[in-house]
Amino acid sequence: VALSIIFALFSSLILALTLIPVLSSFILSKRPDKESALIKLLTKWYRPALLFALSHIKGTVMAVLLLFAGSLYLASKTGKTFMPTMDEGSIIIGVEMLPSISLKESLALNLKLQKKLLASVPEIKDIIARTGSDELGLDPMSLNDTDTFLVLNEKETWREPSKVFVIEEIRKVLDEFVGIEFGFTQPIEMRVSEMLTGVRGDLAIDIFGSDNEQLELIAVQIKNILQNITGSSDVYKKANEGVEYFELKFDKKAMAYHGISQKELNTFLKVMVTGMQAGIIQEGMRRIDLMVKGDETLQNSLDKVQNLYYPLENGKAVPLSNFVKFISNAGPVQIEHEHGYRKTIVQTNVEGRDLVSFVEEAKNIIEKEVKLPAGYYLTFGGEFENQQRAAARLAIIVPLALFLVFILLFVSFGSLTQATMVLINVPLALIGGFIGLYVSGEYMSVPASVGFIALLGIAVLNGVVLVNYFNYLIINGSTLRDAVIEGSIKRLRPVLMTATIAAFGLLPLLFATGPGSEIQRPLAIVVINGLISSTLLTLIILPILYLKFSKSSGDREMTK
């Protein structure tokens, strides 16, 4: 976006300096320019307002300061998030079952769930599901994890034209299934979140420590807290306990008596239970792995494994139970590590409120109610991590942009005072932007921040138009007051045209309804409302500032 704007402005500058003067010499009439009826009407309203403001400078400035303070108050009440949620037109349900479930059982339960969804929610057209990992291992998932992709019918056929309604109907169906955890996301949203933060939720709380049981207790506490906070949705804690493991204890004396090594026993068990590749069969272009393995039922029956016989070199076979004892243990599915600590994750989506206020409330409650043992700590990530990263970056970029604009203004006018006057337009633009966001119900997000940055240039441009013309009139002999009044009225049309054209250009973004419109709308709201406040207040405040602070001949001499 930034590069597109830079190249567009650069091309516009070249055309303005080369082509436009040539075309103007042919197209423009030699007759005096006549003002339209609309401009005459606006001038008729503007002149008395300007004269009143110049006669009541303190009151006017105080009113604008109060307006700015009010907009800052509204800004403090405006929620903050990373990106507005975009309606991609489809839904993904992340379903997690018990960790001990087999692939066969997982597929059967998923099929039952999908049939129920198709029968109960007519808005769903098709369902595509994926369980476990792919063959390449690029998208690692457990056998108990399923991504269910829902393709929706056209919105005109829905019972209610609301995706929230559809999700609630789906949620009712899923609540009927015991022993599953689920969460909602969208294809692009899911991929972007996974690439940037490694998780899918709006908020992911990473819990670090040394003991799995302690981590599990803390995770359950935090999950219960999040479920009771207004706005939480699809609170999810990975089910990491309950998998049955069998510990093998080898009788080394018995093994030595029969001349069997532990490696040989391990290989035997692996071949019988999971199989081992013995070679490759080539059939044309196809390569087929040749596997050697025991009976298929061995994977589902410990008794059958224990009753196996181990073949000896002398041709005899002895029961496996002579050498191995199987001890049942329950344990975690996996143990995640990061920064040298074990970790577990609790994540949630946020609905109906902004992300930052939700996280702040969650932090306060967790600090009060969860006592972390020594050596344990929390981090807050997910979409919230992206928001914090973007806010930190903008905290550097915006002041830098303002500083560069100020340098350009100082070089252009040769006056510190006049450069500061023009830069005063920035707070005037912020007034409209803040009010627009609050009234529209949008949050302060990355698109809204981009809109505020775009406002810097447009708002400053109006100030340059006015100050430059004031200087021109003074150089040509006008008094300071006459230059301010006449210049403001003469430049009314250019100032209004600059702001109006920019605002009209953003109207399609404001009223767009297609995919991606949710991201475009905050930018358009900020720029359009900022232009309204900046234009109206600049035409009043800038003449006052010029009249008050340009009385010294020093500024006029520098301008000359």
Foldseek 3Di string as FASTA:
>chain_A
DVVVVVVVVVVVVVCVVPVVVVVCVVPPDPDDDDDDPVLVVVLVVLQVVQVVCLVVVVVLVVVVVVLLVVLVVLQVVFFEFAFFDFCPQKKKKKKFFALQDDLVRLVVVVVVLQVLLVVQAVQFDDKDKDAAADPVRPPGDGRRIMIIITHTDPLVPHPDSDVVVSVVSSVVSVVVDPGMAMDMDDDVQQVVLCVPPNDRALKKKKKWFADPVLQVVLLVVLLVLQVPFPFWARKDWDNFWDHKDKDKDWDVVLCVVQVHDPVNVVVVLCCAAPWDFDDWDDDPPDIHTDTHYHDPCVNVDVVVVQQDWDAGPVGDTHGPVSTIDIDMDIDTPDWDDDPRTTITMIHTYGPDGHDVVSVVVSVVVCVVPPDDDPRMDMDMDGSVPSSVVVVVVLVPVQVVLLVVQLVVLCVQQVDNLLSVLLQVLLSLLSSQLSVLCSVVSHHHYPLLSVLSSVLSVLLSVLSCQQVVQLLVVVVVPDDNLCSLSVSLSVCLVVLCVSLVVVLVVLVCLCPPDDGPSSRSNSSSSSNNRSSVRSSVVCSRNSSSSCSVPVPDCVSSVSND
